[in-house]
Amino acid sequence: MNSVTDGNIAKDDDSVIDDQLGNRLIAGAARGVLEYVARSIVEDPDSVVVEINEETSPIVLKLHVAASDIGRVIGKRGRVAYAIRTLVRAAGAQEGLEVSVDIVD
């Protein structure tokens, strides 16, 4: 028998599960920022794929884009890539995580 009290779910064994922490994605905000920015920059947004490796520290987000869009994501002298990494790192910091981005061809 479950009961709901103050946003928590109490189970039969008297343990309390906080529903705020239930099904959260690791680095969800950072991944969302990376996908949004990458899809906004490239010509083929359907080719953008973000893989997450949460077994390492920092958490590594691997960005895959079409071969024709690599230059757009990296930018002149890597300035766009640097800006993307900065945004994603800040989004991860909001969640209390250390996140890095690898751009994979």
N, C-alpha and C. Protein backbone atom coordinates (compact mmCIF):
# COMPACT_ATOMS: atom_id res chain seq x y z
N MET A 1 0.84 -1.18 0.00
CA MET A 1 0.00 0.00 0.00
C MET A 1 0.88 1.24 0.00
N ASN A 2 0.71 2.10 -0.97
CA ASN A 2 1.50 3.33 -1.08
C ASN A 2 0.64 4.52 -0.71
N SER A 3 1.24 5.50 -0.11
CA SER A 3 0.54 6.73 0.19
C SER A 3 1.42 7.90 -0.24
N VAL A 4 0.79 8.99 -0.62
CA VAL A 4 1.52 10.17 -1.04
C VAL A 4 1.41 11.22 0.05
N THR A 5 2.58 11.70 0.52
CA THR A 5 2.59 12.76 1.51
C THR A 5 3.70 13.74 1.20
N ASP A 6 3.38 14.99 1.07
CA ASP A 6 4.36 16.06 0.87
C ASP A 6 5.32 15.79 -0.29
N GLY A 7 4.84 15.24 -1.39
CA GLY A 7 5.70 15.01 -2.56
C GLY A 7 6.55 13.77 -2.46
N ASN A 8 6.43 13.01 -1.38
CA ASN A 8 7.19 11.77 -1.22
C ASN A 8 6.23 10.59 -1.27
N ILE A 9 6.71 9.47 -1.73
CA ILE A 9 5.91 8.26 -1.78
C ILE A 9 6.43 7.34 -0.69
N ALA A 10 5.57 6.97 0.24
CA ALA A 10 5.96 6.05 1.31
C ALA A 10 5.57 4.64 0.90
N LYS A 11 6.50 3.70 0.99
CA LYS A 11 6.24 2.31 0.64
C LYS A 11 5.94 1.52 1.91
N ASP A 12 5.55 0.25 1.74
CA ASP A 12 5.21 -0.60 2.86
C ASP A 12 6.34 -0.75 3.86
N ASP A 13 7.58 -0.82 3.36
CA ASP A 13 8.71 -1.03 4.27
C ASP A 13 9.17 0.26 4.93
N ASP A 14 8.34 1.27 4.92
CA ASP A 14 8.59 2.57 5.55
C ASP A 14 9.76 3.33 4.95
N SER A 15 10.28 2.91 3.80
CA SER A 15 11.30 3.70 3.13
C SER A 15 10.61 4.80 2.34
N VAL A 16 11.28 5.91 2.20
CA VAL A 16 10.70 7.05 1.50
C VAL A 16 11.50 7.31 0.23
N ILE A 17 10.80 7.41 -0.87
CA ILE A 17 11.41 7.70 -2.16
C ILE A 17 11.01 9.11 -2.56
N ASP A 18 11.98 9.95 -2.79
CA ASP A 18 11.71 11.31 -3.21
C ASP A 18 11.41 11.29 -4.70
N ASP A 19 10.18 11.68 -5.09
CA ASP A 19 9.81 11.63 -6.49
C ASP A 19 10.52 12.70 -7.31
N GLN A 20 11.19 13.65 -6.67
CA GLN A 20 11.98 14.65 -7.40
C GLN A 20 13.24 14.03 -7.98
N LEU A 21 13.76 12.98 -7.38
CA LEU A 21 15.01 12.37 -7.81
C LEU A 21 14.79 11.09 -8.61
N GLY A 22 13.59 10.69 -8.82
CA GLY A 22 13.23 9.43 -9.46
C GLY A 22 13.95 9.09 -10.74
N ASN A 23 13.41 9.44 -11.86
CA ASN A 23 13.94 9.05 -13.17
C ASN A 23 14.62 10.23 -13.83
N ARG A 24 15.80 10.59 -13.36
CA ARG A 24 16.54 11.71 -13.93
C ARG A 24 17.61 11.19 -14.86
N LEU A 25 17.84 11.91 -15.93
CA LEU A 25 18.93 11.59 -16.84
C LEU A 25 20.21 12.19 -16.30
N ILE A 26 21.27 11.42 -16.34
CA ILE A 26 22.57 11.94 -15.94
C ILE A 26 22.99 12.97 -16.98
N ALA A 27 23.34 14.15 -16.56
CA ALA A 27 23.78 15.25 -17.44
C ALA A 27 22.72 15.59 -18.48
N GLY A 28 21.46 15.51 -18.10
CA GLY A 28 20.35 15.79 -19.03
C GLY A 28 20.36 17.20 -19.57
N ALA A 29 20.62 18.17 -18.71
CA ALA A 29 20.64 19.57 -19.16
C ALA A 29 21.81 19.81 -20.10
N ALA A 30 22.97 19.27 -19.75
CA ALA A 30 24.15 19.44 -20.60
C ALA A 30 23.94 18.80 -21.96
N ARG A 31 23.36 17.62 -21.97
CA ARG A 31 23.08 16.93 -23.24
C ARG A 31 22.07 17.72 -24.06
N GLY A 32 21.04 18.25 -23.42
CA GLY A 32 20.04 19.04 -24.13
C GLY A 32 20.62 20.29 -24.74
N VAL A 33 21.50 20.97 -24.00
CA VAL A 33 22.15 22.17 -24.52
C VAL A 33 23.02 21.81 -25.73
N LEU A 34 23.78 20.73 -25.61
CA LEU A 34 24.66 20.31 -26.71
C LEU A 34 23.85 19.98 -27.96
N GLU A 35 22.77 19.22 -27.81
CA GLU A 35 21.93 18.87 -28.97
C GLU A 35 21.32 20.12 -29.60
N TYR A 36 20.80 21.02 -28.78
CA TYR A 36 20.16 22.22 -29.29
C TYR A 36 21.13 23.09 -30.08
N VAL A 37 22.29 23.34 -29.51
CA VAL A 37 23.27 24.20 -30.16
C VAL A 37 23.78 23.54 -31.44
N ALA A 38 24.09 22.26 -31.38
CA ALA A 38 24.61 21.56 -32.56
C ALA A 38 23.58 21.55 -33.68
N ARG A 39 22.34 21.25 -33.35
CA ARG A 39 21.29 21.23 -34.39
C ARG A 39 21.06 22.63 -34.99
N SER A 40 21.30 23.66 -34.21
CA SER A 40 21.13 25.02 -34.70
C SER A 40 22.25 25.44 -35.65
N ILE A 41 23.41 24.85 -35.49
CA ILE A 41 24.58 25.24 -36.28
C ILE A 41 24.68 24.48 -37.60
N VAL A 42 24.39 23.20 -37.60
CA VAL A 42 24.65 22.34 -38.76
C VAL A 42 23.59 22.50 -39.84
N GLU A 43 23.94 22.06 -41.05
CA GLU A 43 23.00 22.08 -42.16
C GLU A 43 22.08 20.86 -42.14
N ASP A 44 22.54 19.75 -41.55
CA ASP A 44 21.76 18.52 -41.48
C ASP A 44 21.49 18.17 -40.01
N PRO A 45 20.47 18.80 -39.41
CA PRO A 45 20.23 18.58 -37.98
C PRO A 45 19.83 17.15 -37.63
N ASP A 46 19.31 16.40 -38.60
CA ASP A 46 18.92 15.01 -38.33
C ASP A 46 20.13 14.11 -38.11
N SER A 47 21.30 14.55 -38.53
CA SER A 47 22.50 13.73 -38.37
C SER A 47 23.18 13.92 -37.02
N VAL A 48 22.68 14.85 -36.21
CA VAL A 48 23.29 15.11 -34.90
C VAL A 48 22.92 13.99 -33.92
N VAL A 49 23.96 13.38 -33.35
CA VAL A 49 23.78 12.32 -32.36
C VAL A 49 24.71 12.62 -31.19
N VAL A 50 24.17 12.54 -29.99
CA VAL A 50 24.98 12.76 -28.79
C VAL A 50 25.00 11.46 -27.98
N GLU A 51 26.20 10.95 -27.76
CA GLU A 51 26.39 9.77 -26.91
C GLU A 51 26.92 10.25 -25.58
N ILE A 52 26.57 9.54 -24.52
CA ILE A 52 27.03 9.92 -23.20
C ILE A 52 27.80 8.77 -22.57
N ASN A 53 28.96 9.09 -22.00
CA ASN A 53 29.75 8.11 -21.27
C ASN A 53 29.82 8.60 -19.83
N GLU A 54 28.94 8.06 -19.01
CA GLU A 54 28.86 8.51 -17.62
C GLU A 54 29.75 7.70 -16.68
N GLU A 55 30.51 6.76 -17.24
CA GLU A 55 31.39 5.94 -16.42
C GLU A 55 32.71 6.64 -16.11
N THR A 56 33.01 7.72 -16.83
CA THR A 56 34.26 8.43 -16.62
C THR A 56 34.00 9.71 -15.82
N SER A 57 35.08 10.24 -15.31
CA SER A 57 34.99 11.53 -14.65
C SER A 57 36.02 12.44 -15.29
N PRO A 58 35.66 13.49 -15.94
CA PRO A 58 34.33 14.04 -16.09
C PRO A 58 33.48 13.20 -17.04
N ILE A 59 32.16 13.41 -16.98
CA ILE A 59 31.24 12.75 -17.90
C ILE A 59 31.55 13.27 -19.30
N VAL A 60 31.64 12.35 -20.27
CA VAL A 60 32.01 12.72 -21.63
C VAL A 60 30.79 12.63 -22.54
N LEU A 61 30.47 13.73 -23.22
CA LEU A 61 29.43 13.75 -24.24
C LEU A 61 30.12 13.74 -25.59
N LYS A 62 29.82 12.72 -26.40
CA LYS A 62 30.41 12.62 -27.73
C LYS A 62 29.41 13.12 -28.75
N LEU A 63 29.83 14.13 -29.51
CA LEU A 63 28.97 14.74 -30.52
C LEU A 63 29.34 14.20 -31.90
N HIS A 64 28.35 13.58 -32.56
CA HIS A 64 28.52 13.08 -33.92
C HIS A 64 27.68 13.94 -34.85
N VAL A 65 28.30 14.44 -35.92
CA VAL A 65 27.59 15.21 -36.95
C VAL A 65 28.00 14.67 -38.30
N ALA A 66 27.29 15.09 -39.35
CA ALA A 66 27.65 14.68 -40.71
C ALA A 66 29.04 15.21 -41.05
N ALA A 67 29.74 14.48 -41.90
CA ALA A 67 31.10 14.87 -42.28
C ALA A 67 31.15 16.28 -42.87
N SER A 68 30.10 16.67 -43.58
CA SER A 68 30.08 18.00 -44.19
C SER A 68 29.86 19.11 -43.16
N ASP A 69 29.47 18.76 -41.96
CA ASP A 69 29.19 19.77 -40.93
C ASP A 69 30.28 19.89 -39.87
N ILE A 70 31.32 19.08 -39.96
CA ILE A 70 32.39 19.13 -38.95
C ILE A 70 33.00 20.53 -38.86
N GLY A 71 33.26 21.15 -40.00
CA GLY A 71 33.85 22.48 -40.02
C GLY A 71 32.98 23.52 -39.35
N ARG A 72 31.67 23.40 -39.51
CA ARG A 72 30.75 24.34 -38.88
C ARG A 72 30.78 24.21 -37.36
N VAL A 73 30.90 22.98 -36.87
CA VAL A 73 30.89 22.74 -35.43
C VAL A 73 32.22 23.15 -34.79
N ILE A 74 33.31 22.95 -35.52
CA ILE A 74 34.62 23.31 -34.97
C ILE A 74 34.88 24.81 -35.13
N GLY A 75 34.58 25.38 -36.28
CA GLY A 75 34.76 26.81 -36.50
C GLY A 75 36.21 27.17 -36.75
N LYS A 76 36.44 28.44 -37.10
CA LYS A 76 37.80 28.91 -37.35
C LYS A 76 38.59 28.89 -36.06
N ARG A 77 39.75 28.26 -36.13
CA ARG A 77 40.65 28.13 -34.98
C ARG A 77 39.98 27.50 -33.76
N GLY A 78 38.89 26.74 -33.99
CA GLY A 78 38.23 26.02 -32.90
C GLY A 78 37.38 26.88 -32.00
N ARG A 79 37.07 28.09 -32.45
CA ARG A 79 36.32 29.01 -31.60
C ARG A 79 34.90 28.54 -31.32
N VAL A 80 34.23 27.97 -32.31
CA VAL A 80 32.86 27.48 -32.10
C VAL A 80 32.89 26.29 -31.16
N ALA A 81 33.83 25.38 -31.37
CA ALA A 81 33.95 24.21 -30.50
C ALA A 81 34.22 24.65 -29.06
N TYR A 82 35.08 25.64 -28.89
CA TYR A 82 35.39 26.15 -27.55
C TYR A 82 34.14 26.73 -26.89
N ALA A 83 33.35 27.48 -27.66
CA ALA A 83 32.12 28.07 -27.13
C ALA A 83 31.11 27.00 -26.76
N ILE A 84 30.98 25.98 -27.60
CA ILE A 84 30.05 24.88 -27.30
C ILE A 84 30.48 24.19 -26.01
N ARG A 85 31.76 23.90 -25.89
CA ARG A 85 32.26 23.22 -24.68
C ARG A 85 32.01 24.07 -23.43
N THR A 86 32.16 25.38 -23.55
CA THR A 86 31.92 26.27 -22.42
C THR A 86 30.45 26.24 -22.00
N LEU A 87 29.54 26.31 -22.96
CA LEU A 87 28.11 26.26 -22.66
C LEU A 87 27.71 24.94 -22.00
N VAL A 88 28.22 23.84 -22.55
CA VAL A 88 27.87 22.52 -22.02
C VAL A 88 28.46 22.34 -20.62
N ARG A 89 29.68 22.81 -20.42
CA ARG A 89 30.30 22.73 -19.09
C ARG A 89 29.48 23.52 -18.07
N ALA A 90 28.97 24.68 -18.47
CA ALA A 90 28.15 25.50 -17.56
C ALA A 90 26.82 24.80 -17.25
N ALA A 91 26.21 24.18 -18.25
CA ALA A 91 24.96 23.45 -18.02
C ALA A 91 25.19 22.27 -17.08
N GLY A 92 26.31 21.59 -17.23
CA GLY A 92 26.65 20.49 -16.33
C GLY A 92 26.89 20.99 -14.92
N ALA A 93 27.53 22.14 -14.79
CA ALA A 93 27.80 22.71 -13.47
C ALA A 93 26.51 23.05 -12.74
N GLN A 94 25.48 23.44 -13.49
CA GLN A 94 24.17 23.72 -12.87
C GLN A 94 23.61 22.47 -12.19
N GLU A 95 23.98 21.29 -12.72
CA GLU A 95 23.53 20.02 -12.13
C GLU A 95 24.54 19.47 -11.14
N GLY A 96 25.64 20.20 -10.95
CA GLY A 96 26.67 19.74 -10.04
C GLY A 96 27.57 18.67 -10.64
N LEU A 97 27.68 18.67 -11.97
CA LEU A 97 28.48 17.66 -12.67
C LEU A 97 29.61 18.29 -13.44
N GLU A 98 30.66 17.53 -13.64
CA GLU A 98 31.76 17.95 -14.48
C GLU A 98 31.57 17.25 -15.83
N VAL A 99 31.45 18.03 -16.90
CA VAL A 99 31.12 17.48 -18.22
C VAL A 99 32.11 18.00 -19.25
N SER A 100 32.51 17.12 -20.19
CA SER A 100 33.34 17.54 -21.29
C SER A 100 32.70 17.07 -22.60
N VAL A 101 33.09 17.71 -23.70
CA VAL A 101 32.54 17.39 -25.02
C VAL A 101 33.64 16.95 -25.94
N ASP A 102 33.43 15.82 -26.62
CA ASP A 102 34.31 15.36 -27.69
C ASP A 102 33.54 15.44 -28.99
N ILE A 103 34.15 16.06 -29.99
CA ILE A 103 33.54 16.13 -31.32
C ILE A 103 34.12 15.00 -32.15
N VAL A 104 33.28 14.06 -32.54
CA VAL A 104 33.72 12.86 -33.23
C VAL A 104 33.32 12.96 -34.70
N ASP A 105 34.25 12.60 -35.58
CA ASP A 105 33.93 12.63 -37.02
C ASP A 105 33.39 11.31 -37.50
